[in-house]
């Protein structure tokens, strides 16, 4: 569902406002294993990945996602 909603949001063009989307997931191996199957598609689509670590810190992929904005 997160992938669908991100794709939907990227298709919205409203008053020239640019929309940026990301998906936040727990930073654990089961989630990374599942996402690795479609990770290149997600990143090429301009959707950022936010890996939330146990302590609450976040790792962003690609690293340049926020700098591109």
PDB file of N, CA and C in Angstrom:
ATOM      1  N   UNK A   1       0.818  -1.189   0.000  1.00  0.00           N
ATOM      2  CA  UNK A   1       0.000   0.000   0.000  1.00  0.00           C
ATOM      3  C   UNK A   1       0.869   1.262   0.000  1.00  0.00           C
ATOM      4  N   UNK A   2       1.973   1.239   0.723  1.00  0.00           N
ATOM      5  CA  UNK A   2       2.846   2.419   0.764  1.00  0.00           C
ATOM      6  C   UNK A   2       3.398   2.739  -0.614  1.00  0.00           C
ATOM      7  N   UNK A   3       3.748   1.711  -1.366  1.00  0.00           N
ATOM      8  CA  UNK A   3       4.264   1.936  -2.711  1.00  0.00           C
ATOM      9  C   UNK A   3       3.188   2.543  -3.602  1.00  0.00           C
ATOM     10  N   UNK A   4       1.973   2.035  -3.523  1.00  0.00           N
ATOM     11  CA  UNK A   4       0.866   2.572  -4.309  1.00  0.00           C
ATOM     12  C   UNK A   4       0.608   4.036  -3.966  1.00  0.00           C
ATOM     13  N   UNK A   5       0.524   4.359  -2.681  1.00  0.00           N
ATOM     14  CA  UNK A   5       0.238   5.738  -2.263  1.00  0.00           C
ATOM     15  C   UNK A   5       1.376   6.683  -2.661  1.00  0.00           C
ATOM     16  N   UNK A   6       2.616   6.211  -2.614  1.00  0.00           N
ATOM     17  CA  UNK A   6       3.736   7.044  -3.044  1.00  0.00           C
ATOM     18  C   UNK A   6       3.650   7.318  -4.533  1.00  0.00           C
ATOM     19  N   UNK A   7       3.365   6.286  -5.317  1.00  0.00           N
ATOM     20  CA  UNK A   7       3.230   6.464  -6.759  1.00  0.00           C
ATOM     21  C   UNK A   7       2.075   7.401  -7.088  1.00  0.00           C
ATOM     22  N   UNK A   8       0.975   7.243  -6.383  1.00  0.00           N
ATOM     23  CA  UNK A   8      -0.185   8.106  -6.584  1.00  0.00           C
ATOM     24  C   UNK A   8       0.172   9.564  -6.299  1.00  0.00           C
ATOM     25  N   UNK A   9       0.874   9.805  -5.204  1.00  0.00           N
ATOM     26  CA  UNK A   9       1.240  11.166  -4.836  1.00  0.00           C
ATOM     27  C   UNK A   9       2.187  11.786  -5.854  1.00  0.00           C
ATOM     28  N   UNK A  10       3.100  10.977  -6.412  1.00  0.00           N
ATOM     29  CA  UNK A  10       4.038  11.503  -7.405  1.00  0.00           C
ATOM     30  C   UNK A  10       3.333  11.911  -8.690  1.00  0.00           C
ATOM     31  N   UNK A  11       2.150  11.391  -8.927  1.00  0.00           N
ATOM     32  CA  UNK A  11       1.387  11.717 -10.141  1.00  0.00           C
ATOM     33  C   UNK A  11       0.559  12.992  -9.981  1.00  0.00           C
ATOM     34  N   UNK A  12       0.466  13.509  -8.787  1.00  0.00           N
ATOM     35  CA  UNK A  12      -0.344  14.702  -8.539  1.00  0.00           C
ATOM     36  C   UNK A  12       0.449  15.952  -8.921  1.00  0.00           C
ATOM     37  N   UNK A  13      -0.136  16.767  -9.721  1.00  0.00           N
ATOM     38  CA  UNK A  13       0.444  18.072 -10.066  1.00  0.00           C
ATOM     39  C   UNK A  13      -0.582  19.116  -9.659  1.00  0.00           C
ATOM     40  N   UNK A  14      -0.288  19.866  -8.633  1.00  0.00           N
ATOM     41  CA  UNK A  14      -1.246  20.835  -8.126  1.00  0.00           C
ATOM     42  C   UNK A  14      -0.585  22.197  -8.007  1.00  0.00           C
ATOM     43  N   UNK A  15      -1.039  23.121  -8.803  1.00  0.00           N
ATOM     44  CA  UNK A  15      -0.561  24.506  -8.750  1.00  0.00           C
ATOM     45  C   UNK A  15       0.954  24.612  -8.842  1.00  0.00           C
ATOM     46  N   UNK A  16       1.563  23.732  -9.599  1.00  0.00           N
ATOM     47  CA  UNK A  16       3.009  23.790  -9.772  1.00  0.00           C
ATOM     48  C   UNK A  16       3.798  23.317  -8.570  1.00  0.00           C
ATOM     49  N   UNK A  17       3.122  22.797  -7.559  1.00  0.00           N
ATOM     50  CA  UNK A  17       3.802  22.315  -6.366  1.00  0.00           C
ATOM     51  C   UNK A  17       4.407  20.948  -6.651  1.00  0.00           C
ATOM     52  N   UNK A  18       5.653  20.780  -6.301  1.00  0.00           N
ATOM     53  CA  UNK A  18       6.321  19.504  -6.503  1.00  0.00           C
ATOM     54  C   UNK A  18       6.158  18.661  -5.244  1.00  0.00           C
ATOM     55  N   UNK A  19       5.847  17.400  -5.428  1.00  0.00           N
ATOM     56  CA  UNK A  19       5.615  16.498  -4.307  1.00  0.00           C
ATOM     57  C   UNK A  19       6.728  15.467  -4.261  1.00  0.00           C
ATOM     58  N   UNK A  20       7.253  15.224  -3.078  1.00  0.00           N
ATOM     59  CA  UNK A  20       8.297  14.227  -2.877  1.00  0.00           C
ATOM     60  C   UNK A  20       7.757  13.153  -1.946  1.00  0.00           C
ATOM     61  N   UNK A  21       8.091  11.904  -2.240  1.00  0.00           N
ATOM     62  CA  UNK A  21       7.538  10.783  -1.480  1.00  0.00           C
ATOM     63  C   UNK A  21       8.634   9.878  -0.965  1.00  0.00           C
ATOM     64  N   UNK A  22       8.326   9.265   0.143  1.00  0.00           N
ATOM     65  CA  UNK A  22       9.235   8.288   0.718  1.00  0.00           C
ATOM     66  C   UNK A  22       8.452   7.234   1.465  1.00  0.00           C
ATOM     67  N   UNK A  23       9.108   6.120   1.675  1.00  0.00           N
ATOM     68  CA  UNK A  23       8.524   5.004   2.414  1.00  0.00           C
ATOM     69  C   UNK A  23       9.421   4.737   3.615  1.00  0.00           C
ATOM     70  N   UNK A  24       8.830   4.722   4.809  1.00  0.00           N
ATOM     71  CA  UNK A  24       9.581   4.432   6.031  1.00  0.00           C
ATOM     72  C   UNK A  24       9.316   2.991   6.450  1.00  0.00           C
ATOM     73  N   UNK A  25      10.404   2.288   6.742  1.00  0.00           N
ATOM     74  CA  UNK A  25      10.310   0.891   7.160  1.00  0.00           C
ATOM     75  C   UNK A  25      11.287   0.621   8.296  1.00  0.00           C
ATOM     76  N   UNK A  26      10.997  -0.379   9.121  1.00  0.00           N
ATOM     77  CA  UNK A  26      11.962  -0.760  10.152  1.00  0.00           C
ATOM     78  C   UNK A  26      13.256  -1.255   9.503  1.00  0.00           C
ATOM     79  N   UNK A  27      14.369  -0.863  10.065  1.00  0.00           N
ATOM     80  CA  UNK A  27      15.675  -1.279   9.539  1.00  0.00           C
ATOM     81  C   UNK A  27      16.007  -2.662  10.086  1.00  0.00           C
ATOM     82  N   UNK A  28      15.419  -3.670   9.464  1.00  0.00           N
ATOM     83  CA  UNK A  28      15.728  -5.047   9.858  1.00  0.00           C
ATOM     84  C   UNK A  28      15.850  -5.912   8.607  1.00  0.00           C
ATOM     85  N   UNK A  29      16.443  -7.070   8.772  1.00  0.00           N
ATOM     86  CA  UNK A  29      16.743  -7.918   7.626  1.00  0.00           C
ATOM     87  C   UNK A  29      15.500  -8.417   6.897  1.00  0.00           C
ATOM     88  N   UNK A  30      14.417  -8.814   7.581  1.00  0.00           N
ATOM     89  CA  UNK A  30      13.231  -9.249   6.834  1.00  0.00           C
ATOM     90  C   UNK A  30      12.689  -8.166   5.882  1.00  0.00           C
ATOM     91  N   UNK A  31      12.630  -6.919   6.350  1.00  0.00           N
ATOM     92  CA  UNK A  31      12.138  -5.838   5.487  1.00  0.00           C
ATOM     93  C   UNK A  31      13.120  -5.559   4.340  1.00  0.00           C
ATOM     94  N   UNK A  32      14.406  -5.590   4.631  1.00  0.00           N
ATOM     95  CA  UNK A  32      15.408  -5.345   3.580  1.00  0.00           C
ATOM     96  C   UNK A  32      15.380  -6.462   2.539  1.00  0.00           C
ATOM     97  N   UNK A  33      15.186  -7.703   2.974  1.00  0.00           N
ATOM     98  CA  UNK A  33      15.118  -8.822   2.028  1.00  0.00           C
ATOM     99  C   UNK A  33      13.947  -8.649   1.069  1.00  0.00           C
ATOM    100  N   UNK A  34      12.806  -8.258   1.585  1.00  0.00           N
ATOM    101  CA  UNK A  34      11.621  -8.075   0.750  1.00  0.00           C
ATOM    102  C   UNK A  34      11.815  -6.901  -0.199  1.00  0.00           C
ATOM    103  N   UNK A  35      12.325  -5.800   0.325  1.00  0.00           N
ATOM    104  CA  UNK A  35      12.450  -4.592  -0.491  1.00  0.00           C
ATOM    105  C   UNK A  35      13.556  -4.682  -1.534  1.00  0.00           C
ATOM    106  N   UNK A  36      14.568  -5.495  -1.280  1.00  0.00           N
ATOM    107  CA  UNK A  36      15.656  -5.624  -2.254  1.00  0.00           C
ATOM    108  C   UNK A  36      15.160  -6.111  -3.604  1.00  0.00           C
ATOM    109  N   UNK A  37      14.040  -6.812  -3.627  1.00  0.00           N
ATOM    110  CA  UNK A  37      13.487  -7.324  -4.881  1.00  0.00           C
ATOM    111  C   UNK A  37      13.073  -6.170  -5.801  1.00  0.00           C
ATOM    112  N   UNK A  38      12.535  -5.090  -5.230  1.00  0.00           N
ATOM    113  CA  UNK A  38      12.033  -3.972  -6.045  1.00  0.00           C
ATOM    114  C   UNK A  38      12.723  -2.649  -5.726  1.00  0.00           C
ATOM    115  N   UNK A  39      13.810  -2.706  -4.997  1.00  0.00           N
ATOM    116  CA  UNK A  39      14.483  -1.489  -4.538  1.00  0.00           C
ATOM    117  C   UNK A  39      14.904  -0.573  -5.689  1.00  0.00           C
ATOM    118  N   UNK A  40      15.467  -1.118  -6.752  1.00  0.00           N
ATOM    119  CA  UNK A  40      15.916  -0.289  -7.864  1.00  0.00           C
ATOM    120  C   UNK A  40      14.748   0.433  -8.525  1.00  0.00           C
ATOM    121  N   UNK A  41      13.619  -0.240  -8.642  1.00  0.00           N
ATOM    122  CA  UNK A  41      12.420   0.397  -9.191  1.00  0.00           C
ATOM    123  C   UNK A  41      11.994   1.571  -8.317  1.00  0.00           C
ATOM    124  N   UNK A  42      11.973   1.368  -7.009  1.00  0.00           N
ATOM    125  CA  UNK A  42      11.557   2.420  -6.080  1.00  0.00           C
ATOM    126  C   UNK A  42      12.480   3.626  -6.199  1.00  0.00           C
ATOM    127  N   UNK A  43      13.781   3.389  -6.172  1.00  0.00           N
ATOM    128  CA  UNK A  43      14.731   4.498  -6.226  1.00  0.00           C
ATOM    129  C   UNK A  43      14.690   5.212  -7.575  1.00  0.00           C
ATOM    130  N   UNK A  44      14.568   4.470  -8.680  1.00  0.00           N
ATOM    131  CA  UNK A  44      14.480   5.093  -9.996  1.00  0.00           C
ATOM    132  C   UNK A  44      13.187   5.876 -10.167  1.00  0.00           C
ATOM    133  N   UNK A  45      12.172   5.529  -9.393  1.00  0.00           N
ATOM    134  CA  UNK A  45      10.888   6.241  -9.451  1.00  0.00           C
ATOM    135  C   UNK A  45      10.926   7.538  -8.659  1.00  0.00           C
ATOM    136  N   UNK A  46      12.020   7.789  -7.965  1.00  0.00           N
ATOM    137  CA  UNK A  46      12.144   9.022  -7.190  1.00  0.00           C
ATOM    138  C   UNK A  46      11.558   8.923  -5.794  1.00  0.00           C
ATOM    139  N   UNK A  47      11.286   7.705  -5.352  1.00  0.00           N
ATOM    140  CA  UNK A  47      10.739   7.481  -4.013  1.00  0.00           C
ATOM    141  C   UNK A  47      11.903   7.207  -3.073  1.00  0.00           C
ATOM    142  N   UNK A  48      11.952   7.936  -1.974  1.00  0.00           N
ATOM    143  CA  UNK A  48      13.022   7.737  -0.996  1.00  0.00           C
ATOM    144  C   UNK A  48      12.685   6.613  -0.039  1.00  0.00           C
ATOM    145  N   UNK A  49      13.723   5.979   0.475  1.00  0.00           N
ATOM    146  CA  UNK A  49      13.550   4.938   1.487  1.00  0.00           C
ATOM    147  C   UNK A  49      14.096   5.452   2.808  1.00  0.00           C
ATOM    148  N   UNK A  50      13.293   5.344   3.833  1.00  0.00           N
ATOM    149  CA  UNK A  50      13.679   5.788   5.167  1.00  0.00           C
ATOM    150  C   UNK A  50      13.733   4.560   6.064  1.00  0.00           C
ATOM    151  N   UNK A  51      14.951   4.123   6.402  1.00  0.00           N
ATOM    152  CA  UNK A  51      15.140   2.949   7.255  1.00  0.00           C
ATOM    153  C   UNK A  51      15.223   3.412   8.702  1.00  0.00           C
ATOM    154  N   UNK A  52      14.232   3.045   9.496  1.00  0.00           N
ATOM    155  CA  UNK A  52      14.152   3.485  10.888  1.00  0.00           C
ATOM    156  C   UNK A  52      14.815   2.439  11.780  1.00  0.00           C
ATOM    157  N   UNK A  53      15.860   2.866  12.448  1.00  0.00           N
ATOM    158  CA  UNK A  53      16.613   1.961  13.321  1.00  0.00           C
ATOM    159  C   UNK A  53      15.937   1.844  14.682  1.00  0.00           C
ATOM    160  N   UNK A  54      16.321   0.827  15.423  1.00  0.00           N
ATOM    161  CA  UNK A  54      15.697   0.538  16.715  1.00  0.00           C
ATOM    162  C   UNK A  54      15.738   1.734  17.670  1.00  0.00           C
ATOM    163  N   UNK A  55      16.812   2.497  17.655  1.00  0.00           N
ATOM    164  CA  UNK A  55      16.941   3.652  18.541  1.00  0.00           C
ATOM    165  C   UNK A  55      16.197   4.887  18.061  1.00  0.00           C
ATOM    166  N   UNK A  56      15.590   4.813  16.868  1.00  0.00           N
ATOM    167  CA  UNK A  56      14.834   5.946  16.357  1.00  0.00           C
ATOM    168  C   UNK A  56      15.567   6.773  15.306  1.00  0.00           C
ATOM    169  N   UNK A  57      16.854   6.506  15.099  1.00  0.00           N
ATOM    170  CA  UNK A  57      17.564   7.223  14.045  1.00  0.00           C
ATOM    171  C   UNK A  57      17.114   6.685  12.688  1.00  0.00           C
ATOM    172  N   UNK A  58      17.349   7.484  11.661  1.00  0.00           N
ATOM    173  CA  UNK A  58      16.869   7.128  10.325  1.00  0.00           C
ATOM    174  C   UNK A  58      18.008   7.208   9.319  1.00  0.00           C
ATOM    175  N   UNK A  59      18.108   6.190   8.479  1.00  0.00           N
ATOM    176  CA  UNK A  59      19.043   6.179   7.352  1.00  0.00           C
ATOM    177  C   UNK A  59      18.217   6.347   6.083  1.00  0.00           C
ATOM    178  N   UNK A  60      18.632   7.274   5.217  1.00  0.00           N
ATOM    179  CA  UNK A  60      17.853   7.595   4.023  1.00  0.00           C
ATOM    180  C   UNK A  60      18.575   7.088   2.773  1.00  0.00           C
ATOM    181  N   UNK A  61      17.821   6.449   1.892  1.00  0.00           N
ATOM    182  CA  UNK A  61      18.331   6.022   0.587  1.00  0.00           C
ATOM    183  C   UNK A  61      17.507   6.669  -0.498  1.00  0.00           C
ATOM    184  N   UNK A  62      18.092   7.181  -1.542  1.00  0.00           N
ATOM    185  CA  UNK A  62      19.524   7.403  -1.647  1.00  0.00           C
ATOM    186  C   UNK A  62      19.949   8.516  -0.695  1.00  0.00           C
ATOM    187  N   UNK A  63      21.218   8.553  -0.381  1.00  0.00           N
ATOM    188  CA  UNK A  63      21.723   9.568   0.555  1.00  0.00           C
ATOM    189  C   UNK A  63      21.417  10.984   0.052  1.00  0.00           C
ATOM    190  N   UNK A  64      21.321  11.146  -1.233  1.00  0.00           N
ATOM    191  CA  UNK A  64      21.094  12.469  -1.822  1.00  0.00           C
ATOM    192  C   UNK A  64      19.609  12.836  -1.898  1.00  0.00           C
ATOM    193  N   UNK A  65      18.713  11.990  -1.383  1.00  0.00           N
ATOM    194  CA  UNK A  65      17.272  12.225  -1.523  1.00  0.00           C
ATOM    195  C   UNK A  65      16.847  13.599  -1.019  1.00  0.00           C
ATOM    196  N   UNK A  66      17.256  13.986   0.158  1.00  0.00           N
ATOM    197  CA  UNK A  66      16.851  15.282   0.708  1.00  0.00           C
ATOM    198  C   UNK A  66      17.622  16.435   0.078  1.00  0.00           C
ATOM    199  N   UNK A  67      18.833  16.183  -0.411  1.00  0.00           N
ATOM    200  CA  UNK A  67      19.621  17.237  -1.041  1.00  0.00           C
ATOM    201  C   UNK A  67      19.088  17.596  -2.415  1.00  0.00           C
ATOM    202  N   UNK A  68      18.364  16.668  -3.052  1.00  0.00           N
ATOM    203  CA  UNK A  68      17.823  16.919  -4.381  1.00  0.00           C
ATOM    204  C   UNK A  68      16.658  17.885  -4.309  1.00  0.00           C
ATOM    205  N   UNK A  69      16.139  18.127  -3.136  1.00  0.00           N
ATOM    206  CA  UNK A  69      14.936  18.935  -2.980  1.00  0.00           C
ATOM    207  C   UNK A  69      15.249  20.373  -2.853  1.00  0.00           C
TER     208      UNK A  69
END
